[in-house]
Amino acid sequence: MKLIFLGDSLTEGSYGGSYLAHITKLRPNDTLINAGVGGDTVINLERRLDDVIDQSPDGIFVMVGGNDAISYSQPDTRPYYKQAKSISNGFVSPEQFSQTYRDILTRLQTEHLPTWVGLPPIEYNPLVAQTMRDYNESVADMARSMNIPTLDLMPDFMPQHIPDRKPLGLGIIFTIGERTKSGWSEYDTTQSDGNFAYTFDGIHLTPKSAVQFGERIHHFLGA
């Protein structure tokens, strides 16, 4: 079976842990294709959808929303999304998110491609987390109406209390770039210093959490 995993940095897995690397170990007889791109919003996924479909997969797992929630709730990050990701105004509104996600799922159904949806968590600060919940709820509702299986990862990973951390800005974008280039991997120390539950920066998975993600998604997809 050829499965494509369409998403953002959580799927790409080049910064922090890779849940897809773990799933690959669990599914040795399947061909798993990583179509995750760091920084992508749902709009970017739609722009790449033709390339994904052209690979003739047997199914597609879609998981996106973290960058959408960040762009909308953390205004200082918008120059990045506008310039690097070509997002108008630098943010994805709730209406844009829902409509674009629906367009993606509708296209996949039109192509008769089995589809699964993952609803990602995020724990940086309360505003980002609430925005992510709202975006996830809209996706869950539409997926349910379209009979598309949906895995909500928030309940398993979100801490009961999220500290009111300072807003995200371009500094986090620069930090990600610098650390990725340098091969930085001080995940455990950074997680502890930041008091994060399953990430090391409020956004990206630790290697341990990536394994847990992989286990849940693997079982969700079935044999």
C-alpha atoms as a PDB file:
ATOM      1  CA  MET A   1       0.000   0.000   0.000  1.00  0.00           C
ATOM      2  CA  LYS A   2       1.264   3.477  -0.895  1.00  0.00           C
ATOM      3  CA  LEU A   3       0.280   6.094   1.687  1.00  0.00           C
ATOM      4  CA  ILE A   4       1.041   9.799   1.484  1.00  0.00           C
ATOM      5  CA  PHE A   5       1.273  11.898   4.641  1.00  0.00           C
ATOM      6  CA  LEU A   6       0.352  15.483   3.767  1.00  0.00           C
ATOM      7  CA  GLY A   7       1.125  18.173   6.291  1.00  0.00           C
ATOM      8  CA  ASP A   8       3.512  20.678   7.824  1.00  0.00           C
ATOM      9  CA  SER A   9       6.652  20.424   9.997  1.00  0.00           C
ATOM     10  CA  LEU A  10       5.075  17.837  12.321  1.00  0.00           C
ATOM     11  CA  THR A  11       4.906  15.500   9.339  1.00  0.00           C
ATOM     12  CA  GLU A  12       8.177  16.602   7.752  1.00  0.00           C
ATOM     13  CA  GLY A  13       9.915  15.721  11.021  1.00  0.00           C
ATOM     14  CA  SER A  14      13.223  17.422  10.245  1.00  0.00           C
ATOM     15  CA  TYR A  15      13.046  19.646  13.338  1.00  0.00           C
ATOM     16  CA  GLY A  16      12.403  17.523  16.417  1.00  0.00           C
ATOM     17  CA  GLY A  17      11.040  13.994  16.370  1.00  0.00           C
ATOM     18  CA  SER A  18       9.553  12.312  13.301  1.00  0.00           C
ATOM     19  CA  TYR A  19       6.315  10.406  13.861  1.00  0.00           C
ATOM     20  CA  LEU A  20       6.448   9.192  10.268  1.00  0.00           C
ATOM     21  CA  ALA A  21       9.852   7.593  10.800  1.00  0.00           C
ATOM     22  CA  HIS A  22       8.296   5.495  13.548  1.00  0.00           C
ATOM     23  CA  ILE A  23       5.276   4.544  11.445  1.00  0.00           C
ATOM     24  CA  THR A  24       7.657   3.452   8.686  1.00  0.00           C
ATOM     25  CA  LYS A  25       9.195   0.946  11.106  1.00  0.00           C
ATOM     26  CA  LEU A  26       5.734  -0.339  12.042  1.00  0.00           C
ATOM     27  CA  ARG A  27       4.581  -0.746   8.427  1.00  0.00           C
ATOM     28  CA  PRO A  28       7.521  -2.352   6.591  1.00  0.00           C
ATOM     29  CA  ASN A  29       5.346  -3.672   3.778  1.00  0.00           C
ATOM     30  CA  ASP A  30       3.874  -0.272   2.904  1.00  0.00           C
ATOM     31  CA  THR A  31       5.357   2.578   0.882  1.00  0.00           C
ATOM     32  CA  LEU A  32       5.062   5.734   2.971  1.00  0.00           C
ATOM     33  CA  ILE A  33       5.686   9.088   1.323  1.00  0.00           C
ATOM     34  CA  ASN A  34       6.476  12.161   3.404  1.00  0.00           C
ATOM     35  CA  ALA A  35       4.687  15.185   1.930  1.00  0.00           C
ATOM     36  CA  GLY A  36       5.228  17.381   4.970  1.00  0.00           C
ATOM     37  CA  VAL A  37       6.720  20.857   4.505  1.00  0.00           C
ATOM     38  CA  GLY A  38       7.732  23.032   7.432  1.00  0.00           C
ATOM     39  CA  GLY A  39       5.740  26.244   7.774  1.00  0.00           C
ATOM     40  CA  ASP A  40       2.924  25.130   5.485  1.00  0.00           C
ATOM     41  CA  THR A  41      -0.651  26.220   6.091  1.00  0.00           C
ATOM     42  CA  VAL A  42      -3.744  24.549   4.686  1.00  0.00           C
ATOM     43  CA  ILE A  43      -3.526  26.971   1.748  1.00  0.00           C
ATOM     44  CA  ASN A  44      -0.033  25.707   0.928  1.00  0.00           C
ATOM     45  CA  LEU A  45      -1.281  22.121   1.101  1.00  0.00           C
ATOM     46  CA  GLU A  46      -3.988  22.884  -1.428  1.00  0.00           C
ATOM     47  CA  ARG A  47      -1.405  24.383  -3.772  1.00  0.00           C
ATOM     48  CA  ARG A  48       0.579  21.134  -3.603  1.00  0.00           C
ATOM     49  CA  LEU A  49      -2.408  18.831  -3.914  1.00  0.00           C
ATOM     50  CA  ASP A  50      -2.016  18.082  -7.632  1.00  0.00           C
ATOM     51  CA  ASP A  51       1.535  16.872  -7.079  1.00  0.00           C
ATOM     52  CA  VAL A  52       0.330  14.577  -4.305  1.00  0.00           C
ATOM     53  CA  ILE A  53      -2.536  13.136  -6.330  1.00  0.00           C
ATOM     54  CA  ASP A  54      -0.261  12.613  -9.342  1.00  0.00           C
ATOM     55  CA  GLN A  55       1.720  10.084  -7.296  1.00  0.00           C
ATOM     56  CA  SER A  56      -1.304   7.734  -7.387  1.00  0.00           C
ATOM     57  CA  PRO A  57      -1.410   6.850  -3.677  1.00  0.00           C
ATOM     58  CA  ASP A  58      -3.716   4.261  -2.178  1.00  0.00           C
ATOM     59  CA  GLY A  59      -4.616   6.709   0.575  1.00  0.00           C
ATOM     60  CA  ILE A  60      -3.735  10.074   2.090  1.00  0.00           C
ATOM     61  CA  PHE A  61      -3.376  11.107   5.734  1.00  0.00           C
ATOM     62  CA  VAL A  62      -3.884  14.861   6.138  1.00  0.00           C
ATOM     63  CA  MET A  63      -2.778  16.775   9.230  1.00  0.00           C
ATOM     64  CA  VAL A  64      -2.353  20.548   9.259  1.00  0.00           C
ATOM     65  CA  GLY A  65      -3.368  23.591  11.269  1.00  0.00           C
ATOM     66  CA  GLY A  66      -0.537  24.648  13.563  1.00  0.00           C
ATOM     67  CA  ASN A  67       0.780  27.356  11.259  1.00  0.00           C
ATOM     68  CA  ASP A  68      -2.747  28.484  10.454  1.00  0.00           C
ATOM     69  CA  ALA A  69      -3.505  28.915  14.155  1.00  0.00           C
ATOM     70  CA  ILE A  70      -0.184  30.678  14.776  1.00  0.00           C
ATOM     71  CA  SER A  71      -0.592  33.061  11.840  1.00  0.00           C
ATOM     72  CA  TYR A  72      -4.063  34.078  12.966  1.00  0.00           C
ATOM     73  CA  SER A  73      -3.481  34.367  16.714  1.00  0.00           C
ATOM     74  CA  GLN A  74       0.136  35.627  16.756  1.00  0.00           C
ATOM     75  CA  PRO A  75       0.285  38.735  14.504  1.00  0.00           C
ATOM     76  CA  ASP A  76       4.058  39.224  14.808  1.00  0.00           C
ATOM     77  CA  THR A  77       4.617  36.035  12.784  1.00  0.00           C
ATOM     78  CA  ARG A  78       2.665  37.263   9.771  1.00  0.00           C
ATOM     79  CA  PRO A  79       5.586  38.727   7.788  1.00  0.00           C
ATOM     80  CA  TYR A  80       6.991  35.189   7.573  1.00  0.00           C
ATOM     81  CA  TYR A  81       3.782  33.649   6.283  1.00  0.00           C
ATOM     82  CA  LYS A  82       3.254  36.495   3.814  1.00  0.00           C
ATOM     83  CA  GLN A  83       6.776  36.481   2.404  1.00  0.00           C
ATOM     84  CA  ALA A  84       7.931  32.873   2.747  1.00  0.00           C
ATOM     85  CA  LYS A  85       4.578  31.135   2.250  1.00  0.00           C
ATOM     86  CA  SER A  86       2.780  33.642  -0.008  1.00  0.00           C
ATOM     87  CA  ILE A  87      -0.233  33.910   2.301  1.00  0.00           C
ATOM     88  CA  SER A  88      -2.265  37.066   1.649  1.00  0.00           C
ATOM     89  CA  ASN A  89      -2.188  39.398   4.670  1.00  0.00           C
ATOM     90  CA  GLY A  90       0.113  36.862   6.353  1.00  0.00           C
ATOM     91  CA  PHE A  91      -2.598  34.864   8.125  1.00  0.00           C
ATOM     92  CA  VAL A  92      -5.233  32.188   7.583  1.00  0.00           C
ATOM     93  CA  SER A  93      -8.591  33.207   9.013  1.00  0.00           C
ATOM     94  CA  PRO A  94     -11.020  30.642  10.464  1.00  0.00           C
ATOM     95  CA  GLU A  95     -13.223  31.025   7.374  1.00  0.00           C
ATOM     96  CA  GLN A  96     -10.292  30.514   4.996  1.00  0.00           C
ATOM     97  CA  PHE A  97      -9.097  27.534   6.973  1.00  0.00           C
ATOM     98  CA  SER A  98     -12.461  25.775   6.939  1.00  0.00           C
ATOM     99  CA  GLN A  99     -13.189  26.465   3.278  1.00  0.00           C
ATOM    100  CA  THR A 100      -9.738  25.474   2.043  1.00  0.00           C
ATOM    101  CA  TYR A 101      -9.728  22.315   4.140  1.00  0.00           C
ATOM    102  CA  ARG A 102     -13.147  21.406   2.748  1.00  0.00           C
ATOM    103  CA  ASP A 103     -11.882  21.997  -0.781  1.00  0.00           C
ATOM    104  CA  ILE A 104      -8.974  19.613  -0.159  1.00  0.00           C
ATOM    105  CA  LEU A 105     -11.177  16.868   1.266  1.00  0.00           C
ATOM    106  CA  THR A 106     -13.746  17.301  -1.494  1.00  0.00           C
ATOM    107  CA  ARG A 107     -11.031  17.005  -4.142  1.00  0.00           C
ATOM    108  CA  LEU A 108      -9.670  13.837  -2.578  1.00  0.00           C
ATOM    109  CA  GLN A 109     -13.129  12.317  -2.484  1.00  0.00           C
ATOM    110  CA  THR A 110     -13.683  13.300  -6.109  1.00  0.00           C
ATOM    111  CA  GLU A 111     -10.466  11.436  -6.933  1.00  0.00           C
ATOM    112  CA  HIS A 112     -11.826   8.419  -4.987  1.00  0.00           C
ATOM    113  CA  LEU A 113      -8.820   8.450  -2.666  1.00  0.00           C
ATOM    114  CA  PRO A 114      -9.250   6.969   0.821  1.00  0.00           C
ATOM    115  CA  THR A 115      -8.544   9.810   3.241  1.00  0.00           C
ATOM    116  CA  TRP A 116      -7.802  10.088   6.944  1.00  0.00           C
ATOM    117  CA  VAL A 117      -7.583  13.318   8.947  1.00  0.00           C
ATOM    118  CA  GLY A 118      -5.416  14.057  11.971  1.00  0.00           C
ATOM    119  CA  LEU A 119      -6.227  16.942  14.322  1.00  0.00           C
ATOM    120  CA  PRO A 120      -2.941  18.241  15.765  1.00  0.00           C
ATOM    121  CA  PRO A 121      -2.341  19.692  19.223  1.00  0.00           C
ATOM    122  CA  ILE A 122      -0.251  22.773  20.013  1.00  0.00           C
ATOM    123  CA  GLU A 123       0.785  23.956  23.472  1.00  0.00           C
ATOM    124  CA  TYR A 124       2.745  27.200  23.132  1.00  0.00           C
ATOM    125  CA  ASN A 125       0.334  29.553  24.874  1.00  0.00           C
ATOM    126  CA  PRO A 126      -3.401  29.595  25.712  1.00  0.00           C
ATOM    127  CA  LEU A 127      -4.401  31.753  22.729  1.00  0.00           C
ATOM    128  CA  VAL A 128      -2.650  29.554  20.173  1.00  0.00           C
ATOM    129  CA  ALA A 129      -4.069  26.424  21.817  1.00  0.00           C
ATOM    130  CA  GLN A 130      -7.632  27.755  21.800  1.00  0.00           C
ATOM    131  CA  THR A 131      -7.326  28.843  18.177  1.00  0.00           C
ATOM    132  CA  MET A 132      -6.080  25.359  17.296  1.00  0.00           C
ATOM    133  CA  ARG A 133      -9.049  23.816  19.123  1.00  0.00           C
ATOM    134  CA  ASP A 134     -11.455  26.016  17.182  1.00  0.00           C
ATOM    135  CA  TYR A 135      -9.824  25.143  13.853  1.00  0.00           C
ATOM    136  CA  ASN A 136      -9.814  21.447  14.732  1.00  0.00           C
ATOM    137  CA  GLU A 137     -13.492  21.525  15.661  1.00  0.00           C
ATOM    138  CA  SER A 138     -14.385  22.961  12.272  1.00  0.00           C
ATOM    139  CA  VAL A 139     -12.432  20.202  10.537  1.00  0.00           C
ATOM    140  CA  ALA A 140     -13.936  17.494  12.736  1.00  0.00           C
ATOM    141  CA  ASP A 141     -17.445  18.678  11.851  1.00  0.00           C
ATOM    142  CA  MET A 142     -16.809  18.725   8.115  1.00  0.00           C
ATOM    143  CA  ALA A 143     -14.955  15.393   8.135  1.00  0.00           C
ATOM    144  CA  ARG A 144     -17.836  13.814  10.033  1.00  0.00           C
ATOM    145  CA  SER A 145     -20.311  15.123   7.456  1.00  0.00           C
ATOM    146  CA  MET A 146     -18.136  13.628   4.697  1.00  0.00           C
ATOM    147  CA  ASN A 147     -17.666  10.273   6.485  1.00  0.00           C
ATOM    148  CA  ILE A 148     -13.908  10.768   6.692  1.00  0.00           C
ATOM    149  CA  PRO A 149     -12.194   9.053   9.660  1.00  0.00           C
ATOM    150  CA  THR A 150     -10.670  11.591  12.045  1.00  0.00           C
ATOM    151  CA  LEU A 151      -8.077  11.219  14.791  1.00  0.00           C
ATOM    152  CA  ASP A 152      -8.072  13.952  17.454  1.00  0.00           C
ATOM    153  CA  LEU A 153      -4.594  14.005  19.008  1.00  0.00           C
ATOM    154  CA  MET A 154      -5.304  16.884  21.357  1.00  0.00           C
ATOM    155  CA  PRO A 155      -6.822  14.873  24.253  1.00  0.00           C
ATOM    156  CA  ASP A 156      -3.785  12.589  24.493  1.00  0.00           C
ATOM    157  CA  PHE A 157      -1.117  15.271  24.478  1.00  0.00           C
ATOM    158  CA  MET A 158      -2.369  18.644  25.702  1.00  0.00           C
ATOM    159  CA  PRO A 159      -1.433  19.598  29.288  1.00  0.00           C
ATOM    160  CA  GLN A 160      -4.228  20.605  31.660  1.00  0.00           C
ATOM    161  CA  HIS A 161      -2.631  24.012  32.176  1.00  0.00           C
ATOM    162  CA  ILE A 162      -0.770  26.057  29.568  1.00  0.00           C
ATOM    163  CA  PRO A 163       1.305  28.977  30.898  1.00  0.00           C
ATOM    164  CA  ASP A 164       0.575  32.423  29.488  1.00  0.00           C
ATOM    165  CA  ARG A 165       3.818  32.685  27.503  1.00  0.00           C
ATOM    166  CA  LYS A 166       4.783  35.767  25.494  1.00  0.00           C
ATOM    167  CA  PRO A 167       3.445  36.018  21.940  1.00  0.00           C
ATOM    168  CA  LEU A 168       5.302  34.273  19.141  1.00  0.00           C
ATOM    169  CA  GLY A 169       7.207  36.420  16.677  1.00  0.00           C
ATOM    170  CA  LEU A 170       9.779  36.163  13.939  1.00  0.00           C
ATOM    171  CA  GLY A 171      12.378  35.132  16.509  1.00  0.00           C
ATOM    172  CA  ILE A 172      10.981  31.597  16.632  1.00  0.00           C
ATOM    173  CA  ILE A 173      11.213  31.370  12.831  1.00  0.00           C
ATOM    174  CA  PHE A 174      14.862  32.430  12.855  1.00  0.00           C
ATOM    175  CA  THR A 175      15.620  30.044  15.712  1.00  0.00           C
ATOM    176  CA  ILE A 176      14.125  27.100  13.822  1.00  0.00           C
ATOM    177  CA  GLY A 177      16.198  27.919  10.760  1.00  0.00           C
ATOM    178  CA  GLU A 178      19.450  28.300  12.685  1.00  0.00           C
ATOM    179  CA  ARG A 179      18.947  25.148  14.743  1.00  0.00           C
ATOM    180  CA  THR A 180      17.984  23.050  11.727  1.00  0.00           C
ATOM    181  CA  LYS A 181      21.113  24.113   9.836  1.00  0.00           C
ATOM    182  CA  SER A 182      23.403  23.475  12.812  1.00  0.00           C
ATOM    183  CA  GLY A 183      22.050  20.020  13.656  1.00  0.00           C
ATOM    184  CA  TRP A 184      20.872  21.195  17.092  1.00  0.00           C
ATOM    185  CA  SER A 185      19.236  18.471  19.198  1.00  0.00           C
ATOM    186  CA  GLU A 186      18.986  19.674  22.809  1.00  0.00           C
ATOM    187  CA  TYR A 187      15.357  18.632  22.954  1.00  0.00           C
ATOM    188  CA  ASP A 188      15.096  17.300  26.500  1.00  0.00           C
ATOM    189  CA  THR A 189      16.860  20.259  28.107  1.00  0.00           C
ATOM    190  CA  THR A 190      14.837  22.796  26.151  1.00  0.00           C
ATOM    191  CA  GLN A 191      11.591  20.980  26.928  1.00  0.00           C
ATOM    192  CA  SER A 192      12.383  20.998  30.642  1.00  0.00           C
ATOM    193  CA  ASP A 193      13.481  24.653  30.665  1.00  0.00           C
ATOM    194  CA  GLY A 194      10.300  25.697  28.866  1.00  0.00           C
ATOM    195  CA  ASN A 195       8.013  23.484  30.960  1.00  0.00           C
ATOM    196  CA  PHE A 196       6.424  21.903  27.910  1.00  0.00           C
ATOM    197  CA  ALA A 197       4.441  18.658  28.032  1.00  0.00           C
ATOM    198  CA  TYR A 198       5.104  16.913  24.719  1.00  0.00           C
ATOM    199  CA  THR A 199       7.063  19.463  22.651  1.00  0.00           C
ATOM    200  CA  PHE A 200      10.356  21.256  23.232  1.00  0.00           C
ATOM    201  CA  ASP A 201       9.140  24.664  22.032  1.00  0.00           C
ATOM    202  CA  GLY A 202       5.375  24.546  22.275  1.00  0.00           C
ATOM    203  CA  ILE A 203       5.068  23.491  18.635  1.00  0.00           C
ATOM    204  CA  HIS A 204       7.410  20.680  17.577  1.00  0.00           C
ATOM    205  CA  LEU A 205       7.518  17.116  18.874  1.00  0.00           C
ATOM    206  CA  THR A 206      10.257  15.687  21.036  1.00  0.00           C
ATOM    207  CA  PRO A 207      11.593  12.333  19.769  1.00  0.00           C
ATOM    208  CA  LYS A 208       9.682  10.546  22.551  1.00  0.00           C
ATOM    209  CA  SER A 209       6.422  12.270  21.692  1.00  0.00           C
ATOM    210  CA  ALA A 210       6.968  11.525  18.003  1.00  0.00           C
ATOM    211  CA  VAL A 211       7.023   7.812  18.795  1.00  0.00           C
ATOM    212  CA  GLN A 212       3.745   8.176  20.713  1.00  0.00           C
ATOM    213  CA  PHE A 213       2.253  10.102  17.792  1.00  0.00           C
ATOM    214  CA  GLY A 214       3.386   7.394  15.417  1.00  0.00           C
ATOM    215  CA  GLU A 215       1.826   4.637  17.508  1.00  0.00           C
ATOM    216  CA  ARG A 216      -1.560   6.358  17.615  1.00  0.00           C
ATOM    217  CA  ILE A 217      -1.611   7.214  13.922  1.00  0.00           C
ATOM    218  CA  HIS A 218      -0.463   3.724  12.947  1.00  0.00           C
ATOM    219  CA  HIS A 219      -3.330   2.106  14.872  1.00  0.00           C
ATOM    220  CA  PHE A 220      -5.774   4.699  13.565  1.00  0.00           C
ATOM    221  CA  LEU A 221      -4.888   3.842   9.952  1.00  0.00           C
ATOM    222  CA  GLY A 222      -5.396   0.139  10.597  1.00  0.00           C
ATOM    223  CA  ALA A 223      -3.790  -2.726   8.717  1.00  0.00           C
END
